[in-house]
Amino acid sequence: MTLRNKSISIFTSMALAVSLFAVPTAIAQESVSAQISVIVALAIPGGDKVDPRLSAIESELNNTFRKSSYEQLEEMRFDLASQQIESRPLPGGGELGVQLVGADPGRFTLNVTIISNGTQVLNTNFTIARGGTIIVGGPSYKEGNLVLAIKASGK
């Protein structure tokens, strides 16, 4: 075998090896899924009472917002595949939309939308560490504002 033939043979083998490894990677990315938990709470300014169900995120709430009382209203669960969008009604007639935009090792990227009184008040992407939580202020509700604690986990 000549040097030229060896070079072509090595190049062909390398191209074949790269193509074999590329397919499983693409398939793995398509099978990404996330479990999203959203705690919907009411933040009432000027108080210091915290619903015991919110004890796991109390420090994040207090670090994110001025002194308030917090009452958990509900908890929503979303099981999302890549690019899948789901929405749920919010207290007060609004709507929360969540889309799994992408995933990297250790984190998810979500698009989160909130519609209140027919107006989109939030449309943004968040990158959340797997197992992490972000706190998002929401629209007015009753004597305060909605607060959403969004947690992401999954494969």
Protein backbone atom coordinates (compact mmCIF):
# COMPACT_ATOMS: atom_id res chain seq x y z
CA MET A 1 0.00 0.00 0.00
CA THR A 2 1.41 3.40 -0.96
CA LEU A 3 1.62 6.39 1.34
CA ARG A 4 -1.19 8.07 -0.62
CA ASN A 5 -3.47 5.04 -0.22
CA LYS A 6 -2.68 4.86 3.52
CA SER A 7 -3.61 8.54 3.90
CA ILE A 8 -6.90 8.02 2.07
CA SER A 9 -7.63 4.91 4.11
CA ILE A 10 -6.92 6.71 7.41
CA PHE A 11 -9.05 9.70 6.34
CA THR A 12 -11.94 7.40 5.34
CA SER A 13 -11.73 5.53 8.66
CA MET A 14 -11.74 8.78 10.63
CA ALA A 15 -14.74 10.11 8.68
CA LEU A 16 -16.62 6.86 9.32
CA ALA A 17 -15.80 6.99 13.04
CA VAL A 18 -16.98 10.62 13.31
CA SER A 19 -20.24 9.84 11.52
CA LEU A 20 -20.92 6.86 13.80
CA PHE A 21 -20.52 9.01 16.91
CA ALA A 22 -22.49 11.96 15.50
CA VAL A 23 -25.74 10.01 15.11
CA PRO A 24 -26.11 8.94 18.77
CA THR A 25 -25.37 12.50 19.91
CA ALA A 26 -28.15 13.91 17.72
CA ILE A 27 -30.55 11.24 18.96
CA ALA A 28 -29.62 11.91 22.58
CA GLN A 29 -30.33 15.64 22.16
CA GLU A 30 -33.77 14.90 20.71
CA SER A 31 -34.71 12.79 23.74
CA VAL A 32 -34.08 15.56 26.26
CA SER A 33 -36.88 15.98 28.76
CA ALA A 34 -37.42 18.14 31.80
CA GLN A 35 -39.71 18.06 34.78
CA ILE A 36 -40.67 21.60 35.70
CA SER A 37 -42.29 22.45 39.01
CA VAL A 38 -43.82 25.89 39.44
CA ILE A 39 -44.92 27.08 42.86
CA VAL A 40 -47.36 29.97 42.57
CA ALA A 41 -47.39 32.17 45.64
CA LEU A 42 -48.98 35.46 46.65
CA ALA A 43 -46.56 38.09 47.97
CA ILE A 44 -48.28 40.64 50.20
CA PRO A 45 -46.14 43.72 50.98
CA GLY A 46 -45.37 44.73 54.52
CA GLY A 47 -45.72 41.45 56.33
CA ASP A 48 -43.44 38.73 57.59
CA LYS A 49 -45.61 35.59 57.59
CA VAL A 50 -44.43 32.76 55.36
CA ASP A 51 -46.61 29.81 54.44
CA PRO A 52 -44.83 26.72 55.88
CA ARG A 53 -45.13 25.04 52.45
CA LEU A 54 -42.68 27.68 51.16
CA SER A 55 -39.97 27.02 53.76
CA ALA A 56 -37.67 25.41 51.15
CA ILE A 57 -37.55 28.67 49.13
CA GLU A 58 -38.05 31.21 51.92
CA SER A 59 -34.49 32.57 51.74
CA GLU A 60 -34.71 33.02 47.93
CA LEU A 61 -38.03 34.85 48.33
CA ASN A 62 -36.64 37.15 51.01
CA ASN A 63 -33.48 37.83 48.98
CA THR A 64 -35.46 38.61 45.82
CA PHE A 65 -38.28 40.81 47.13
CA ARG A 66 -38.84 43.44 49.79
CA LYS A 67 -40.22 42.31 53.10
CA SER A 68 -43.47 40.52 52.35
CA SER A 69 -45.76 37.80 53.58
CA TYR A 70 -46.01 34.79 51.29
CA GLU A 71 -48.87 32.37 50.80
CA GLN A 72 -48.61 29.36 48.48
CA LEU A 73 -51.60 29.26 46.14
CA GLU A 74 -50.80 26.19 44.04
CA GLU A 75 -48.10 24.01 42.54
CA MET A 76 -47.99 23.10 38.84
CA ARG A 77 -46.03 20.36 37.13
CA PHE A 78 -44.89 20.31 33.53
CA ASP A 79 -43.27 17.28 31.84
CA LEU A 80 -41.67 18.75 28.74
CA ALA A 81 -39.80 17.27 25.79
CA SER A 82 -37.44 19.43 23.76
CA GLN A 83 -39.25 22.43 22.17
CA GLN A 84 -42.57 21.40 23.76
CA ILE A 85 -44.78 24.23 25.07
CA GLU A 86 -47.41 23.85 27.79
CA SER A 87 -49.56 26.44 29.49
CA ARG A 88 -51.62 26.60 32.66
CA PRO A 89 -54.07 29.16 34.06
CA LEU A 90 -52.82 31.47 36.80
CA PRO A 91 -54.91 32.81 39.68
CA GLY A 92 -56.66 36.00 38.62
CA GLY A 93 -57.28 34.86 35.05
CA GLY A 94 -53.74 35.01 33.66
CA GLU A 95 -51.81 32.27 31.91
CA LEU A 96 -48.33 30.81 32.36
CA GLY A 97 -46.55 29.26 29.37
CA VAL A 98 -43.36 27.18 29.66
CA GLN A 99 -41.25 25.81 26.79
CA LEU A 100 -38.13 23.65 27.00
CA VAL A 101 -35.88 25.50 24.55
CA GLY A 102 -32.67 23.56 25.12
CA ALA A 103 -30.45 21.61 27.45
CA ASP A 104 -26.76 21.37 28.18
CA PRO A 105 -25.07 19.10 30.69
CA GLY A 106 -26.13 20.47 34.03
CA ARG A 107 -28.73 23.01 32.90
CA PHE A 108 -31.95 23.70 31.00
CA THR A 109 -33.04 26.72 28.99
CA LEU A 110 -36.72 27.57 29.32
CA ASN A 111 -38.87 30.18 27.62
CA VAL A 112 -41.39 31.49 30.13
CA THR A 113 -44.38 33.66 29.23
CA ILE A 114 -47.02 35.25 31.43
CA ILE A 115 -50.21 36.75 30.05
CA SER A 116 -52.31 38.91 32.37
CA ASN A 117 -55.52 40.71 31.38
CA GLY A 118 -54.88 39.86 27.72
CA THR A 119 -51.41 41.46 27.76
CA GLN A 120 -48.12 39.60 27.64
CA VAL A 121 -46.25 40.82 30.72
CA LEU A 122 -43.30 38.41 30.48
CA ASN A 123 -41.61 36.62 27.59
CA THR A 124 -38.03 35.64 28.35
CA ASN A 125 -35.56 32.78 28.36
CA PHE A 126 -34.04 31.52 31.61
CA THR A 127 -31.15 29.13 32.03
CA ILE A 128 -31.63 27.04 35.15
CA ALA A 129 -29.15 24.60 36.66
CA ARG A 130 -30.60 21.10 36.87
CA GLY A 131 -32.24 20.94 40.28
CA GLY A 132 -32.05 24.72 40.59
CA THR A 133 -34.81 27.24 41.20
CA ILE A 134 -35.44 30.74 39.88
CA ILE A 135 -37.88 33.22 41.36
CA VAL A 136 -39.99 35.37 39.02
CA GLY A 137 -42.27 38.23 39.99
CA GLY A 138 -45.68 38.06 38.37
CA PRO A 139 -48.75 40.23 37.86
CA SER A 140 -50.86 41.90 40.52
CA TYR A 141 -53.30 39.66 42.32
CA LYS A 142 -55.61 40.50 45.21
CA GLU A 143 -53.68 42.73 47.64
CA GLY A 144 -50.22 41.77 46.33
CA ASN A 145 -48.41 40.14 43.43
CA LEU A 146 -47.98 36.62 42.17
CA VAL A 147 -44.53 35.12 42.61
CA LEU A 148 -43.42 32.02 40.70
CA ALA A 149 -40.69 29.68 41.89
CA ILE A 150 -39.62 27.63 38.86
CA LYS A 151 -37.58 24.48 39.43
CA ALA A 152 -36.16 22.27 36.68
CA SER A 153 -34.92 18.69 36.83
CA GLY A 154 -34.70 15.77 34.42
CA LYS A 155 -32.53 14.08 31.82
